């Protein structure tokens, strides 16, 4: 895998995790 693929994957996973946390714990955001 190239560096661009790894960076894109990390960004996508972090965004999905942030959205999931915002949905599960709305009082923290």
C-alpha atoms as a PDB file:
ATOM      1  CA  UNK A   1       0.000   0.000   0.000  1.00  0.00           C
ATOM      2  CA  UNK A   2       1.196   3.503  -0.751  1.00  0.00           C
ATOM      3  CA  UNK A   3       1.449   6.366   1.716  1.00  0.00           C
ATOM      4  CA  UNK A   4      -1.585   8.115   0.222  1.00  0.00           C
ATOM      5  CA  UNK A   5      -3.725   5.006   0.712  1.00  0.00           C
ATOM      6  CA  UNK A   6      -2.661   4.669   4.348  1.00  0.00           C
ATOM      7  CA  UNK A   7      -3.328   8.349   5.080  1.00  0.00           C
ATOM      8  CA  UNK A   8      -6.733   8.216   3.407  1.00  0.00           C
ATOM      9  CA  UNK A   9      -7.637   5.080   5.331  1.00  0.00           C
ATOM     10  CA  UNK A  10      -6.638   6.637   8.663  1.00  0.00           C
ATOM     11  CA  UNK A  11      -8.632   9.802   7.935  1.00  0.00           C
ATOM     12  CA  UNK A  12     -11.717   7.833   6.884  1.00  0.00           C
ATOM     13  CA  UNK A  13     -11.588   5.574   9.956  1.00  0.00           C
ATOM     14  CA  UNK A  14     -11.081   8.511  12.327  1.00  0.00           C
ATOM     15  CA  UNK A  15     -14.006  10.408  10.783  1.00  0.00           C
ATOM     16  CA  UNK A  16     -16.271   7.358  11.013  1.00  0.00           C
ATOM     17  CA  UNK A  17     -15.235   6.805  14.632  1.00  0.00           C
ATOM     18  CA  UNK A  18     -15.897  10.449  15.481  1.00  0.00           C
ATOM     19  CA  UNK A  19     -19.349  10.318  13.899  1.00  0.00           C
ATOM     20  CA  UNK A  20     -20.153   7.079  15.728  1.00  0.00           C
ATOM     21  CA  UNK A  21     -19.093   8.599  19.061  1.00  0.00           C
ATOM     22  CA  UNK A  22     -21.121  11.747  18.350  1.00  0.00           C
ATOM     23  CA  UNK A  23     -24.195   9.577  17.720  1.00  0.00           C
ATOM     24  CA  UNK A  24     -23.630   7.382  20.788  1.00  0.00           C
ATOM     25  CA  UNK A  25     -22.682  10.204  23.185  1.00  0.00           C
ATOM     26  CA  UNK A  26     -24.364  13.413  21.925  1.00  0.00           C
ATOM     27  CA  UNK A  27     -24.031  15.114  25.309  1.00  0.00           C
ATOM     28  CA  UNK A  28     -20.237  15.236  24.935  1.00  0.00           C
ATOM     29  CA  UNK A  29     -20.273  17.170  21.661  1.00  0.00           C
END
